[in-house]
């Protein structure tokens, strides 16, 4: 049975996508887009449906993370200004042009990022290093209670002047490919701004939803969002995202980073395969 004519199967796939999106802070497009394109849905329509589902994924996960006090709202709201503009530009480019070269470039960037994070995963990270004046003025610091280790983690965000422009690029990729681009967002929050993995993942989830909303507006205006296909996807990603958040709260920062490494590697390979036409890219 074709996935196009099986809302129940789309619902099941969406649950898995939502779970992965919440656990990694990425959004669920990594699973949805290949599944949709493999059954004959055009790449632009698949991207449009995926980016709608990203909103639902982020909403389900972000609400739980904000309630737990792990998400840094000031960091998220500051960076959203950059991702919104990037998503609108990226969505416009997708509608106007083909994307194979960009798929390949994105896959290479993700694999390079995976290599960087893999080398750093055994190094000690200190989250209270002195911040620059801009980050201090923006109050990009915070703390949260980590249930996995039973103590309060305090941290100081840094280099916000780098994080902002980099987030424009992440927003561009999100709008272009219809994914959360949380892989890039988490890396920016982690490596560029020095936030703990749990804060990076949860804040990424918050940013993803707003970014996807901006990109979705462009796809809706262009007529690429099919409500009949989007409905079962949204119904599936929300419970999947909630399951992911429940598990994340019980894991250590090291476990979160290791999980993220695996998903980042898979996403990079997937983007390359799609760029070379294996998934109808």
Protein backbone atom coordinates (compact mmCIF):
# COMPACT_ATOMS: atom_id res chain seq x y z
CA UNK A 1 0.00 0.00 0.00
CA UNK A 2 1.34 3.39 -0.95
CA UNK A 3 2.20 5.69 1.88
CA UNK A 4 0.26 8.39 0.07
CA UNK A 5 -2.95 6.36 0.55
CA UNK A 6 -2.14 5.13 4.07
CA UNK A 7 -2.64 7.82 6.71
CA UNK A 8 -2.14 5.22 9.46
CA UNK A 9 1.33 4.32 8.13
CA UNK A 10 2.20 8.00 7.87
CA UNK A 11 1.03 8.34 11.46
CA UNK A 12 3.38 5.55 12.63
CA UNK A 13 6.35 6.96 10.71
CA UNK A 14 5.62 10.37 12.19
CA UNK A 15 5.73 9.01 15.75
CA UNK A 16 9.28 7.75 15.11
CA UNK A 17 10.22 11.05 13.47
CA UNK A 18 8.89 13.04 16.43
CA UNK A 19 10.78 10.86 18.90
CA UNK A 20 14.08 11.30 17.06
CA UNK A 21 13.47 15.02 16.64
CA UNK A 22 12.85 15.60 20.35
CA UNK A 23 15.74 13.40 21.52
CA UNK A 24 18.30 15.06 19.28
CA UNK A 25 16.85 18.58 19.07
CA UNK A 26 16.72 18.25 15.29
CA UNK A 27 13.10 17.97 14.23
CA UNK A 28 11.72 14.96 12.37
CA UNK A 29 12.49 15.72 8.72
CA UNK A 30 15.39 13.26 8.67
CA UNK A 31 12.85 10.40 8.68
CA UNK A 32 9.86 11.96 6.95
CA UNK A 33 11.40 13.39 3.80
CA UNK A 34 13.09 10.17 2.57
CA UNK A 35 9.89 8.20 3.35
CA UNK A 36 7.70 10.63 1.43
CA UNK A 37 9.99 10.93 -1.59
CA UNK A 38 10.48 7.16 -1.84
CA UNK A 39 6.74 6.66 -2.37
CA UNK A 40 6.53 9.23 -5.12
CA UNK A 41 5.73 12.52 -3.41
CA UNK A 42 7.59 15.39 -5.08
CA UNK A 43 10.58 16.69 -3.17
CA UNK A 44 9.15 20.18 -2.77
CA UNK A 45 5.84 18.85 -1.43
CA UNK A 46 7.74 16.49 0.90
CA UNK A 47 9.80 19.39 2.19
CA UNK A 48 6.66 21.47 2.74
CA UNK A 49 4.91 18.67 4.68
CA UNK A 50 8.06 18.01 6.69
CA UNK A 51 8.51 21.61 7.75
CA UNK A 52 4.88 21.70 8.94
CA UNK A 53 5.57 18.60 11.04
CA UNK A 54 8.66 20.27 12.48
CA UNK A 55 6.42 22.91 14.04
CA UNK A 56 4.41 20.21 15.80
CA UNK A 57 7.54 18.33 16.90
CA UNK A 58 9.09 21.44 18.37
CA UNK A 59 5.86 22.49 20.08
CA UNK A 60 5.45 19.13 21.78
CA UNK A 61 9.04 19.01 23.00
CA UNK A 62 9.65 22.71 23.71
CA UNK A 63 6.67 23.05 26.06
CA UNK A 64 7.97 20.26 28.28
CA UNK A 65 11.53 21.60 28.27
CA UNK A 66 10.45 25.15 29.14
CA UNK A 67 8.36 23.82 32.02
CA UNK A 68 11.38 21.93 33.36
CA UNK A 69 13.50 25.10 33.28
CA UNK A 70 16.21 23.66 31.03
CA UNK A 71 15.57 25.83 27.95
CA UNK A 72 17.33 29.21 27.93
CA UNK A 73 14.59 31.54 26.68
CA UNK A 74 16.83 34.60 26.33
CA UNK A 75 19.29 32.75 24.12
CA UNK A 76 16.46 31.23 22.09
CA UNK A 77 14.62 34.49 21.47
CA UNK A 78 17.82 36.28 20.48
CA UNK A 79 18.82 33.62 17.96
CA UNK A 80 15.32 33.29 16.50
CA UNK A 81 15.68 36.74 14.95
CA UNK A 82 18.39 35.33 12.72
CA UNK A 83 16.83 31.93 11.96
CA UNK A 84 13.48 33.44 10.89
CA UNK A 85 15.11 35.54 8.17
CA UNK A 86 17.25 32.60 7.08
CA UNK A 87 14.23 30.26 6.83
CA UNK A 88 12.27 32.66 4.64
CA UNK A 89 15.22 33.08 2.28
CA UNK A 90 15.88 29.33 2.20
CA UNK A 91 12.26 28.43 1.43
CA UNK A 92 12.19 30.96 -1.39
CA UNK A 93 15.33 29.42 -2.89
CA UNK A 94 13.80 25.91 -2.74
CA UNK A 95 10.71 27.04 -4.63
CA UNK A 96 12.79 28.78 -7.28
CA UNK A 97 15.58 26.24 -7.90
CA UNK A 98 16.79 22.63 -7.64
CA UNK A 99 18.71 21.50 -4.60
CA UNK A 100 21.03 18.57 -5.43
CA UNK A 101 24.25 20.54 -5.05
CA UNK A 102 22.99 22.03 -1.79
CA UNK A 103 22.04 18.57 -0.48
CA UNK A 104 25.60 17.38 -1.13
CA UNK A 105 27.15 20.48 0.42
CA UNK A 106 24.93 20.16 3.50
CA UNK A 107 25.85 16.49 3.88
CA UNK A 108 29.55 17.33 3.76
CA UNK A 109 29.10 20.10 6.33
CA UNK A 110 27.26 17.74 8.66
CA UNK A 111 29.92 15.05 8.35
CA UNK A 112 32.62 17.62 9.04
CA UNK A 113 30.64 18.78 12.08
CA UNK A 114 30.28 15.17 13.21
CA UNK A 115 34.05 14.74 12.99
CA UNK A 116 34.63 17.90 15.01
CA UNK A 117 32.21 16.87 17.73
CA UNK A 118 33.55 13.29 17.79
CA UNK A 119 37.08 14.55 18.46
CA UNK A 120 35.79 16.77 21.27
CA UNK A 121 33.43 14.26 22.89
CA UNK A 122 36.00 12.95 25.38
CA UNK A 123 37.32 16.38 26.30
CA UNK A 124 36.28 18.13 29.48
CA UNK A 125 33.89 21.00 28.90
CA UNK A 126 33.69 23.92 31.29
CA UNK A 127 30.48 25.91 31.11
CA UNK A 128 31.46 28.75 33.44
CA UNK A 129 34.28 30.31 31.48
CA UNK A 130 34.27 34.13 31.38
CA UNK A 131 31.88 35.55 28.80
CA UNK A 132 32.44 38.42 26.38
CA UNK A 133 30.73 41.76 26.94
CA UNK A 134 27.98 41.19 24.39
CA UNK A 135 26.94 37.83 25.84
CA UNK A 136 27.04 39.28 29.35
CA UNK A 137 24.90 42.26 28.30
CA UNK A 138 22.40 39.90 26.65
CA UNK A 139 22.32 37.82 29.87
CA UNK A 140 23.03 34.56 28.07
CA UNK A 141 23.70 32.62 31.26
CA UNK A 142 21.56 30.30 33.34
CA UNK A 143 21.23 27.17 35.44
CA UNK A 144 19.05 24.07 35.63
CA UNK A 145 18.64 21.05 37.87
CA UNK A 146 19.98 17.90 36.20
CA UNK A 147 17.98 14.90 37.41
CA UNK A 148 20.47 12.47 35.89
CA UNK A 149 23.35 13.64 38.12
CA UNK A 150 21.29 15.06 40.98
CA UNK A 151 22.78 18.55 41.00
CA UNK A 152 22.26 22.07 39.66
CA UNK A 153 24.30 22.92 36.57
CA UNK A 154 25.28 26.56 36.06
CA UNK A 155 26.68 27.86 32.79
CA UNK A 156 27.68 31.03 30.96
CA UNK A 157 26.93 31.44 27.24
CA UNK A 158 29.69 32.98 25.14
CA UNK A 159 30.29 34.41 21.67
CA UNK A 160 26.68 35.39 20.97
CA UNK A 161 27.99 37.67 18.22
CA UNK A 162 29.11 34.50 16.39
CA UNK A 163 26.03 32.45 17.26
CA UNK A 164 23.62 34.95 15.68
CA UNK A 165 25.06 35.04 12.13
CA UNK A 166 25.66 31.27 12.23
CA UNK A 167 21.99 30.78 13.10
CA UNK A 168 21.02 32.64 9.92
CA UNK A 169 22.76 29.85 8.03
CA UNK A 170 21.00 27.20 10.10
CA UNK A 171 17.66 28.88 9.41
CA UNK A 172 18.47 29.00 5.70
CA UNK A 173 19.14 25.24 5.66
CA UNK A 174 15.93 24.61 7.63
CA UNK A 175 13.80 26.55 5.16
CA UNK A 176 15.65 25.11 2.18
CA UNK A 177 15.37 21.41 3.11
CA UNK A 178 12.25 21.36 5.28
CA UNK A 179 14.07 19.95 8.30
CA UNK A 180 14.58 21.32 11.77
CA UNK A 181 18.31 21.86 11.06
CA UNK A 182 18.70 21.19 14.77
CA UNK A 183 21.95 19.41 13.97
CA UNK A 184 23.48 22.75 13.06
CA UNK A 185 21.63 24.65 15.78
CA UNK A 186 22.85 22.29 18.51
CA UNK A 187 26.42 22.53 17.20
CA UNK A 188 26.26 26.32 17.22
CA UNK A 189 24.87 26.40 20.75
CA UNK A 190 27.40 23.81 21.92
CA UNK A 191 30.63 24.64 20.13
CA UNK A 192 30.23 28.36 19.37
CA UNK A 193 28.34 29.50 22.48
CA UNK A 194 29.57 26.94 25.02
CA UNK A 195 26.20 25.78 26.36
CA UNK A 196 25.75 22.34 28.01
CA UNK A 197 24.35 19.59 25.73
CA UNK A 198 20.94 19.49 27.44
CA UNK A 199 20.57 23.27 27.22
CA UNK A 200 21.71 23.17 23.58
CA UNK A 201 19.18 20.46 22.70
CA UNK A 202 16.23 22.02 24.52
CA UNK A 203 16.92 25.56 23.30
CA UNK A 204 17.34 24.19 19.78
CA UNK A 205 13.85 22.68 20.01
CA UNK A 206 12.42 26.09 20.89
CA UNK A 207 14.20 27.78 17.98
CA UNK A 208 13.23 25.05 15.53
CA UNK A 209 9.49 25.66 15.87
CA UNK A 210 9.67 29.40 15.22
CA UNK A 211 12.08 28.87 12.32
CA UNK A 212 9.82 26.24 10.74
CA UNK A 213 6.80 28.52 11.08
CA UNK A 214 8.58 31.19 9.07
CA UNK A 215 9.52 28.73 6.33
CA UNK A 216 6.05 27.16 6.28
CA UNK A 217 4.46 30.52 5.48
CA UNK A 218 6.41 30.61 2.21
CA UNK A 219 5.43 27.05 1.24
CA UNK A 220 1.75 27.66 2.06
CA UNK A 221 1.74 30.79 -0.08
CA UNK A 222 3.23 28.78 -2.95
CA UNK A 223 0.62 26.00 -2.59
CA UNK A 224 2.95 23.17 -1.59
CA UNK A 225 1.26 22.18 1.71
CA UNK A 226 -1.33 19.38 1.28
CA UNK A 227 -3.61 19.33 4.38
CA UNK A 228 -4.63 15.70 3.71
CA UNK A 229 -1.02 14.56 4.02
CA UNK A 230 0.02 17.00 6.72
CA UNK A 231 -2.76 16.04 9.18
CA UNK A 232 -1.62 12.45 10.03
CA UNK A 233 1.98 13.66 10.19
CA UNK A 234 1.14 16.29 12.80
CA UNK A 235 -0.95 13.80 14.79
CA UNK A 236 2.03 11.44 14.90
CA UNK A 237 4.94 13.74 15.65
CA UNK A 238 3.41 15.28 18.78
CA UNK A 239 3.17 12.05 20.85
CA UNK A 240 6.54 10.99 19.46
CA UNK A 241 8.10 14.26 20.63
CA UNK A 242 6.58 13.89 24.09
CA UNK A 243 8.04 10.38 24.40
CA UNK A 244 11.43 11.76 23.41
CA UNK A 245 11.34 14.46 26.06
CA UNK A 246 10.47 11.95 28.78
CA UNK A 247 13.51 9.86 27.94
CA UNK A 248 15.87 12.83 27.55
CA UNK A 249 15.26 14.02 31.12
CA UNK A 250 16.57 10.69 32.42
CA UNK A 251 19.81 10.67 30.42
CA UNK A 252 23.19 12.23 31.18
CA UNK A 253 24.79 14.95 29.09
CA UNK A 254 27.31 12.39 27.77
CA UNK A 255 24.51 10.07 26.66
CA UNK A 256 22.74 12.95 24.90
CA UNK A 257 25.92 13.88 23.05
CA UNK A 258 26.61 10.27 22.00
CA UNK A 259 23.05 9.94 20.72
CA UNK A 260 23.43 13.20 18.85
CA UNK A 261 26.67 11.96 17.25
CA UNK A 262 24.91 8.90 15.84
CA UNK A 263 21.97 10.89 14.47
CA UNK A 264 24.28 13.57 13.04
CA UNK A 265 26.29 10.92 11.16
CA UNK A 266 23.14 9.33 9.76
CA UNK A 267 21.77 12.71 8.68
CA UNK A 268 25.01 13.61 6.90
CA UNK A 269 25.05 10.33 4.97
CA UNK A 270 21.36 10.68 4.15
CA UNK A 271 21.83 14.18 2.73
CA UNK A 272 24.66 12.95 0.49
CA UNK A 273 22.58 10.03 -0.78
CA UNK A 274 19.68 12.34 -1.53
CA UNK A 275 22.01 14.75 -3.29
CA UNK A 276 23.22 11.94 -5.57
CA UNK A 277 19.63 10.96 -6.36
CA UNK A 278 19.18 7.81 -4.24
CA UNK A 279 16.12 9.30 -2.50
CA UNK A 280 14.65 11.21 -5.42
CA UNK A 281 16.52 14.40 -4.39
